[in-house]
């Protein structure tokens, strides 16, 4: 017997004192400038305190996964399609900063070249 998928509660109901926000930036990468949107969860605090931003790893919301998720990285990947090796390690060891490395740098508050160097040394995996 096939059962219908259960609907998950939306984040507004589950976490009423928080909202999903994005830090939008145009960043330089080896293959040109790219637009990135880094998600965060902004949590309102009591007592007039400044809201705090936390990681938000919830992914895209409001999509039927059976129809597929949006291809958020497609514009990042297209310029590299002609490469035989497309791993982050490969590009980092060539001295290239990929949009994925730039995304991690924004999320972690680090310089993109630091992220690239850590990936190249094998101390970080994307």
Foldseek 3Di string as FASTA:
>chain_A
DDDDDDDDDDCCVVQVQKDKAWDWDFDAWPVGTDIDTAIWIWGDDPPPDHTDTHHDPPPDPDDDCVVPDDPRCVVQCVVVVPPPDDALLVCLLVVTQGVVLVNVCVVVVHDSNVSSPCSPVVNDHD
